[in-house]
N, C-alpha and C. Protein backbone atom coordinates (compact mmCIF):
# COMPACT_ATOMS: atom_id res chain seq x y z
N UNK A 1 -6.02 -5.24 -8.61
CA UNK A 1 -5.02 -6.51 -8.91
C UNK A 1 -5.01 -7.44 -8.79
N UNK A 2 -4.27 -8.28 -10.03
CA UNK A 2 -3.86 -9.28 -10.04
C UNK A 2 -3.37 -9.80 -8.94
N UNK A 3 -4.00 -11.33 -8.88
CA UNK A 3 -3.33 -12.38 -6.89
C UNK A 3 -4.55 -11.74 -6.26
N UNK A 4 -5.11 -10.84 -5.80
CA UNK A 4 -5.66 -9.68 -4.51
C UNK A 4 -6.90 -10.98 -3.84
N UNK A 5 -7.24 -10.79 -3.47
CA UNK A 5 -9.15 -10.76 -2.89
C UNK A 5 -8.95 -10.03 -2.19
N UNK A 6 -10.47 -9.11 -3.12
CA UNK A 6 -10.73 -8.60 -2.23
C UNK A 6 -12.13 -8.38 -1.66
N UNK A 7 -13.35 -7.79 -0.89
CA UNK A 7 -14.72 -7.63 -1.07
C UNK A 7 -15.59 -8.07 -1.94
N UNK A 8 -15.36 -7.76 -2.99
CA UNK A 8 -16.33 -8.44 -4.02
C UNK A 8 -16.14 -9.53 -3.85
N UNK A 9 -15.26 -10.93 -3.30
CA UNK A 9 -15.52 -12.16 -3.43
C UNK A 9 -15.71 -12.47 -1.81
N UNK A 10 -15.53 -11.68 -0.94
CA UNK A 10 -15.85 -11.67 0.54
C UNK A 10 -16.98 -13.42 0.36
N UNK A 11 -18.36 -12.71 -0.19
CA UNK A 11 -19.35 -14.01 0.18
C UNK A 11 -18.93 -15.02 -0.37
N UNK A 12 -18.34 -15.20 -1.67
CA UNK A 12 -18.24 -17.00 -2.34
C UNK A 12 -17.11 -17.19 -0.99
N UNK A 13 -16.38 -16.52 -0.76
CA UNK A 13 -14.82 -17.04 0.10
C UNK A 13 -15.47 -17.71 1.68
N UNK A 14 -16.52 -16.64 1.43
CA UNK A 14 -17.55 -17.55 3.30
C UNK A 14 -18.07 -18.36 2.49
N UNK A 15 -18.45 -19.01 1.68
CA UNK A 15 -19.55 -20.50 1.74
C UNK A 15 -18.25 -21.68 1.45
N UNK A 16 -17.27 -20.71 0.34
CA UNK A 16 -16.35 -22.26 0.72
C UNK A 16 -15.76 -22.98 1.43
N UNK A 17 -15.05 -20.93 2.49
CA UNK A 17 -14.78 -21.68 3.83
C UNK A 17 -15.60 -22.49 4.63
N UNK A 18 -16.88 -21.95 4.53
CA UNK A 18 -17.56 -23.06 6.02
C UNK A 18 -17.93 -24.28 5.21
N UNK A 19 -17.90 -24.46 4.22
CA UNK A 19 -18.55 -26.27 3.21
C UNK A 19 -16.66 -26.76 3.83
N UNK A 20 -15.39 -25.77 4.20
CA UNK A 20 -14.50 -26.57 4.02
C UNK A 20 -14.17 -26.84 6.05
N UNK A 21 -14.89 -25.88 6.15
CA UNK A 21 -14.63 -25.76 7.78
C UNK A 21 -15.01 -27.21 8.53
N UNK A 22 -16.47 -26.88 7.91
CA UNK A 22 -17.83 -28.04 8.54
C UNK A 22 -17.00 -29.37 8.01
N UNK A 23 -15.57 -29.82 6.96
CA UNK A 23 -15.69 -30.88 6.78
C UNK A 23 -14.22 -31.36 7.44
N UNK A 24 -13.95 -30.28 8.45
CA UNK A 24 -12.66 -30.72 9.46
C UNK A 24 -12.55 -30.75 9.85
N UNK A 25 -12.83 -31.61 11.09
CA UNK A 25 -13.55 -32.12 11.84
C UNK A 25 -12.13 -31.67 13.21
N UNK A 26 -11.09 -31.76 12.52
CA UNK A 26 -9.81 -31.36 13.08
C UNK A 26 -8.32 -30.08 13.64
N UNK A 27 -9.44 -29.54 12.63
CA UNK A 27 -8.72 -28.55 12.21
C UNK A 27 -9.18 -27.95 14.04
N UNK A 28 -7.91 -26.64 14.74
CA UNK A 28 -7.78 -26.12 15.63
C UNK A 28 -9.50 -24.76 15.88
N UNK A 29 -9.81 -24.78 16.77
CA UNK A 29 -11.04 -23.28 17.28
C UNK A 29 -10.27 -22.14 16.75
N UNK A 30 -8.73 -22.30 16.81
CA UNK A 30 -7.87 -21.02 16.41
C UNK A 30 -8.16 -20.67 14.96
N UNK A 31 -7.68 -21.72 14.56
CA UNK A 31 -7.53 -21.66 13.05
C UNK A 31 -9.23 -21.66 12.62
N UNK A 32 -9.76 -22.08 13.18
CA UNK A 32 -11.12 -21.63 11.98
C UNK A 32 -11.72 -19.75 12.37
N UNK A 33 -11.42 -19.87 13.56
CA UNK A 33 -11.67 -18.36 14.23
C UNK A 33 -10.69 -17.54 13.31
N UNK A 34 -9.49 -17.72 12.75
CA UNK A 34 -8.77 -16.76 12.29
C UNK A 34 -9.61 -17.20 10.56
N UNK A 35 -9.93 -17.80 10.05
CA UNK A 35 -10.57 -18.51 8.53
C UNK A 35 -11.69 -17.17 8.64
N UNK A 36 -12.71 -17.22 9.40
CA UNK A 36 -13.53 -16.97 10.17
C UNK A 36 -13.68 -14.86 10.39
N UNK A 37 -12.25 -14.56 10.73
CA UNK A 37 -12.28 -13.44 10.94
C UNK A 37 -12.04 -13.01 9.98
N UNK A 38 -10.98 -13.63 8.73
CA UNK A 38 -10.74 -13.02 7.20
C UNK A 38 -11.47 -12.48 6.86
N UNK A 39 -12.75 -13.18 6.63
CA UNK A 39 -13.73 -13.62 6.05
C UNK A 39 -14.25 -12.05 6.35
N UNK A 40 -14.96 -12.05 7.23
CA UNK A 40 -15.42 -11.19 8.19
C UNK A 40 -14.83 -9.68 7.38
N UNK A 41 -14.05 -9.78 7.86
CA UNK A 41 -12.34 -9.04 6.51
C UNK A 41 -13.08 -8.31 5.83
N UNK A 42 -13.25 -9.06 4.92
CA UNK A 42 -13.33 -9.04 3.05
C UNK A 42 -14.53 -8.71 3.00
N UNK A 43 -15.61 -9.27 4.05
CA UNK A 43 -17.21 -8.47 3.22
C UNK A 43 -17.09 -7.16 3.62
N UNK A 44 -16.08 -6.47 4.76
CA UNK A 44 -17.35 -5.18 5.28
C UNK A 44 -15.78 -4.31 5.70
N UNK A 45 -14.92 -4.58 4.37
CA UNK A 45 -13.91 -3.57 4.37
C UNK A 45 -13.59 -3.29 2.91
N UNK A 46 -14.10 -2.42 2.55
CA UNK A 46 -14.00 -1.86 0.91
C UNK A 46 -12.16 -2.10 0.27
N UNK A 47 -11.57 -1.45 1.27
CA UNK A 47 -10.07 -1.31 1.40
C UNK A 47 -9.57 -2.81 1.56
N UNK A 48 -9.64 -3.41 2.26
CA UNK A 48 -9.41 -5.13 2.65
C UNK A 48 -8.77 -5.63 1.52
N UNK A 49 -7.53 -6.14 1.11
CA UNK A 49 -6.98 -6.54 0.31
C UNK A 49 -5.92 -8.21 0.86
N UNK A 50 -5.59 -8.53 0.53
CA UNK A 50 -4.58 -10.08 0.71
C UNK A 50 -3.88 -10.75 0.10
N UNK A 51 -2.59 -10.68 -0.11
CA UNK A 51 -1.83 -10.96 -1.19
C UNK A 51 -0.93 -12.03 -0.77
N UNK A 52 -0.41 -12.70 -1.32
CA UNK A 52 0.51 -14.09 -1.29
C UNK A 52 1.84 -13.77 -0.43
N UNK A 53 2.90 -13.58 0.65
CA UNK A 53 3.75 -12.64 0.77
C UNK A 53 4.51 -12.79 0.13
N UNK A 54 4.74 -13.85 -1.05
CA UNK A 54 5.71 -14.05 -1.58
C UNK A 54 5.79 -13.16 -3.19
N UNK A 55 4.17 -12.69 -2.89
CA UNK A 55 4.04 -11.64 -4.24
C UNK A 55 4.95 -10.30 -4.22
N UNK A 56 5.12 -10.44 -5.96
CA UNK A 56 5.52 -8.44 -6.27
C UNK A 56 4.51 -8.35 -6.34
N UNK A 57 4.65 -6.94 -5.87
CA UNK A 57 3.39 -5.39 -6.40
C UNK A 57 4.14 -4.55 -7.51
N UNK A 58 3.82 -4.04 -8.12
CA UNK A 58 4.65 -2.58 -9.04
C UNK A 58 4.65 -1.75 -8.09
N UNK A 59 5.51 -0.45 -8.21
CA UNK A 59 5.41 0.72 -7.13
C UNK A 59 4.41 1.68 -7.20
N UNK A 60 3.33 1.58 -8.70
CA UNK A 60 2.36 1.96 -8.15
C UNK A 60 1.23 1.21 -7.51
N UNK A 61 1.26 0.20 -6.78
CA UNK A 61 0.46 -0.97 -6.33
C UNK A 61 0.69 -1.01 -4.91
N UNK A 62 1.98 -0.22 -4.74
CA UNK A 62 2.79 -0.44 -3.46
C UNK A 62 2.49 1.67 -2.85
N UNK A 63 2.76 2.34 -4.61
CA UNK A 63 2.32 3.73 -3.01
C UNK A 63 0.94 3.56 -2.72
N UNK A 64 0.15 3.26 -3.71
CA UNK A 64 -1.46 2.99 -3.20
C UNK A 64 -1.72 2.50 -2.14
N UNK A 65 -0.70 1.15 -1.32
CA UNK A 65 -1.33 0.76 -0.52
C UNK A 65 -0.34 1.48 0.77
N UNK A 66 0.36 2.23 0.59
CA UNK A 66 1.19 3.34 1.35
C UNK A 66 0.68 4.52 1.58
N UNK A 67 -0.09 4.48 0.85
CA UNK A 67 -1.09 5.94 0.92
C UNK A 67 0.08 7.27 0.45
N UNK A 68 1.05 6.97 -0.47
CA UNK A 68 1.86 7.65 -1.04
C UNK A 68 2.06 8.29 -2.80
N UNK A 69 3.05 8.76 -2.74
CA UNK A 69 3.00 9.24 -4.54
C UNK A 69 4.06 7.44 -5.00
N UNK A 70 3.84 7.30 -6.04
CA UNK A 70 4.60 6.36 -6.98
C UNK A 70 6.06 6.85 -6.69
N UNK A 71 6.31 8.27 -7.46
CA UNK A 71 7.67 8.15 -6.77
C UNK A 71 8.05 8.49 -5.87
N UNK A 72 7.51 8.24 -4.41
CA UNK A 72 8.07 8.41 -3.04
C UNK A 72 8.50 6.84 -3.41
N UNK A 73 8.08 6.50 -3.65
CA UNK A 73 8.30 4.67 -3.35
C UNK A 73 9.24 4.76 -3.94
N UNK A 74 9.48 4.98 -5.24
CA UNK A 74 11.26 5.03 -6.21
C UNK A 74 11.77 5.70 -5.16
N UNK A 75 11.92 6.98 -4.64
CA UNK A 75 12.58 7.27 -4.06
C UNK A 75 13.02 6.20 -2.83
N UNK A 76 12.09 6.10 -1.89
CA UNK A 76 12.62 4.90 -1.11
C UNK A 76 13.16 3.80 -1.18
N UNK A 77 13.45 2.91 -2.77
CA UNK A 77 14.17 2.10 -2.84
C UNK A 77 15.56 2.60 -3.94
N UNK A 78 14.81 4.28 -4.01
CA UNK A 78 16.56 4.16 -4.76
C UNK A 78 17.43 4.68 -3.44
N UNK A 79 16.79 4.89 -2.23
CA UNK A 79 17.63 5.30 -0.90
C UNK A 79 18.31 4.35 -0.06
N UNK A 80 17.34 3.01 -0.84
CA UNK A 80 17.29 1.67 0.49
C UNK A 80 16.70 1.58 1.05
N UNK A 81 15.31 2.63 1.64
CA UNK A 81 14.69 1.86 2.80
C UNK A 81 13.22 0.92 2.12
N UNK A 82 12.91 0.37 0.87
CA UNK A 82 12.43 -0.08 0.46
C UNK A 82 12.87 -0.89 0.00
N UNK A 83 13.20 -2.54 0.11
CA UNK A 83 14.19 -2.84 -1.02
C UNK A 83 13.12 -3.18 -1.98
N UNK A 84 14.02 -3.72 -3.54
CA UNK A 84 12.91 -4.22 -4.45
C UNK A 84 13.57 -4.75 -5.25
N UNK A 85 12.50 -5.82 -6.35
CA UNK A 85 13.37 -5.37 -7.02
C UNK A 85 13.83 -5.40 -8.58
N UNK A 86 15.21 -4.73 -8.54
CA UNK A 86 14.80 -4.03 -9.65
C UNK A 86 15.80 -4.32 -11.01
N UNK A 87 16.28 -5.78 -10.92
CA UNK A 87 16.92 -6.79 -12.33
C UNK A 87 15.73 -6.31 -13.18
N UNK A 88 14.22 -6.55 -13.86
CA UNK A 88 13.63 -6.12 -14.56
C UNK A 88 14.22 -5.06 -14.79
N UNK A 89 12.82 -4.55 -16.44
CA UNK A 89 12.30 -3.26 -16.28
C UNK A 89 12.11 -2.40 -15.60
N UNK A 90 11.32 -3.39 -15.14
CA UNK A 90 10.08 -2.56 -14.16
C UNK A 90 10.12 -2.42 -12.56
N UNK A 91 10.50 -1.54 -11.63
CA UNK A 91 10.77 -2.48 -9.80
C UNK A 91 9.24 -3.33 -9.58
N UNK A 92 9.88 -4.08 -9.04
CA UNK A 92 8.83 -4.83 -7.88
C UNK A 92 9.31 -4.54 -6.92
N UNK A 93 8.22 -3.89 -6.16
CA UNK A 93 9.10 -4.89 -4.38
C UNK A 93 7.48 -5.89 -4.00
N UNK A 94 8.33 -6.58 -3.17
CA UNK A 94 7.83 -7.60 -2.46
C UNK A 94 7.30 -7.81 -1.38
N UNK A 95 5.74 -8.61 -1.21
CA UNK A 95 4.71 -7.42 -0.76
C UNK A 95 5.41 -8.16 1.02
N UNK A 96 5.66 -8.84 1.74
CA UNK A 96 6.73 -8.59 2.81
C UNK A 96 7.46 -8.02 3.04
N UNK A 97 8.29 -6.77 1.91
CA UNK A 97 8.91 -5.92 2.50
C UNK A 97 8.04 -4.87 2.62
N UNK A 98 7.43 -4.94 1.47
CA UNK A 98 6.01 -4.05 1.85
C UNK A 98 5.65 -3.94 3.67
N UNK A 99 5.41 -4.59 3.74
CA UNK A 99 4.80 -4.71 5.30
C UNK A 99 5.80 -5.24 6.50
N UNK A 100 7.23 -4.89 6.05
CA UNK A 100 8.34 -5.44 6.91
C UNK A 100 8.37 -2.96 7.37
N UNK A 101 7.75 -2.73 6.01
CA UNK A 101 8.40 -1.16 5.61
C UNK A 101 7.17 -0.94 6.86
N UNK A 102 6.13 -0.78 6.88
CA UNK A 102 4.84 -0.66 7.38
C UNK A 102 5.12 -0.60 8.95
N UNK A 103 5.66 -1.80 8.87
CA UNK A 103 5.82 -1.95 10.47
C UNK A 103 7.24 -1.13 11.22
N UNK A 104 8.02 -1.35 10.07
CA UNK A 104 9.17 -0.19 11.61
C UNK A 104 8.98 1.79 11.04
N UNK A 105 8.53 1.53 10.56
CA UNK A 105 7.62 2.95 9.93
C UNK A 105 6.97 3.86 10.71
N UNK A 106 5.90 2.50 11.30
CA UNK A 106 4.42 2.58 11.98
C UNK A 106 5.87 2.42 13.69
N UNK A 107 6.09 1.79 13.96
CA UNK A 107 7.56 1.56 15.56
C UNK A 107 8.47 3.72 15.12
N UNK A 108 8.92 3.79 14.59
CA UNK A 108 9.58 5.19 14.98
C UNK A 108 8.79 6.32 14.63
N UNK A 109 7.59 6.12 14.33
CA UNK A 109 6.71 7.18 14.72
C UNK A 109 6.04 7.27 15.73
N UNK A 110 6.13 5.63 16.40
CA UNK A 110 5.34 5.68 18.12
C UNK A 110 6.85 5.87 19.07
N UNK A 111 8.16 6.36 19.15
CA UNK A 111 9.55 6.46 19.20
C UNK A 111 9.00 7.74 19.49
N UNK A 112 9.18 8.85 18.38
CA UNK A 112 9.32 9.82 18.10
C UNK A 112 7.84 10.72 19.18
N UNK A 113 6.47 10.13 18.95
CA UNK A 113 5.94 10.41 19.42
C UNK A 113 6.12 10.27 21.25
N UNK A 114 6.76 9.34 21.41
CA UNK A 114 7.36 9.24 23.00
C UNK A 114 7.94 9.46 22.84
N UNK A 115 8.74 9.88 22.65
CA UNK A 115 10.06 11.03 22.89
C UNK A 115 9.48 12.24 23.04
N UNK A 116 8.54 12.73 21.84
CA UNK A 116 8.22 14.22 22.07
C UNK A 116 7.10 14.56 23.63
N UNK A 117 6.86 13.34 23.75
CA UNK A 117 6.03 13.18 24.98
C UNK A 117 6.27 13.39 26.35
N UNK A 118 8.26 12.71 26.28
CA UNK A 118 8.93 12.71 27.52
C UNK A 118 8.87 14.46 27.33
N UNK A 119 8.55 15.72 26.83
CA UNK A 119 9.90 16.38 26.52
C UNK A 119 8.80 17.52 27.61
N UNK A 120 7.37 16.94 27.37
CA UNK A 120 6.59 17.98 27.82
C UNK A 120 6.16 17.21 29.09
N UNK A 121 6.32 18.49 30.25
CA UNK A 121 5.89 18.08 31.35
C UNK A 121 4.90 19.56 32.20
N UNK A 122 4.55 19.39 33.33
CA UNK A 122 3.19 20.10 33.46
C UNK A 122 4.07 21.48 33.46
N UNK A 123 5.52 21.79 33.64
CA UNK A 123 6.14 22.86 33.69
C UNK A 123 6.02 23.91 32.29
N UNK A 124 5.46 22.65 30.91
CA UNK A 124 5.92 23.27 29.92
C UNK A 124 5.17 24.08 29.43
N UNK A 125 5.20 25.33 29.21
CA UNK A 125 4.18 26.44 28.82
C UNK A 125 3.32 25.66 27.77
N UNK A 126 1.78 26.18 27.74
CA UNK A 126 1.08 25.83 26.27
C UNK A 126 1.75 26.05 24.60
N UNK A 127 2.51 27.77 24.95
CA UNK A 127 2.62 27.48 23.72
C UNK A 127 4.06 27.88 23.64
N UNK A 128 4.46 27.46 24.16
CA UNK A 128 6.15 26.64 23.97
C UNK A 128 6.36 25.85 22.75
N UNK A 129 6.81 26.16 21.94
CA UNK A 129 7.06 25.89 20.65
C UNK A 129 7.81 24.13 21.11
N UNK A 130 8.65 23.04 20.69
CA UNK A 130 8.81 22.05 21.11
C UNK A 130 9.94 21.70 20.20
N UNK A 131 10.87 21.49 19.99
CA UNK A 131 11.26 20.83 19.07
C UNK A 131 11.46 19.61 18.07
N UNK A 132 10.95 19.41 17.08
CA UNK A 132 10.84 17.51 17.20
C UNK A 132 12.00 16.84 16.47
N UNK A 133 13.26 17.91 15.54
CA UNK A 133 14.23 16.50 15.13
C UNK A 133 15.81 18.38 15.99
């Protein structure tokens, strides 16, 4: 993916970050720790990628990051659940919008699990079917 920093550049990035951090004496320890953690993630996680928040990606790239099919991303866009730039021939999804969708999806799943957990009591028979919708 164009404009993406991947694991293969982690070692090079660590050297550059180390040089810059040594030169910046006024940088906070929190900022230094954040940069070091970022490089650690890039070096150890082959699936980790970094995007600029304003960058827009294709529906195929969005699908890969969400772990769904491209058609699922297209349907999410068509239903208005995922915002995208549709002015051009190809739909482009802003990375910030993808992050918003992931946060909201996670919150919905957590809420559904919490609700399901509240339906269970010590008196609930193990073989009872619980309606989830």
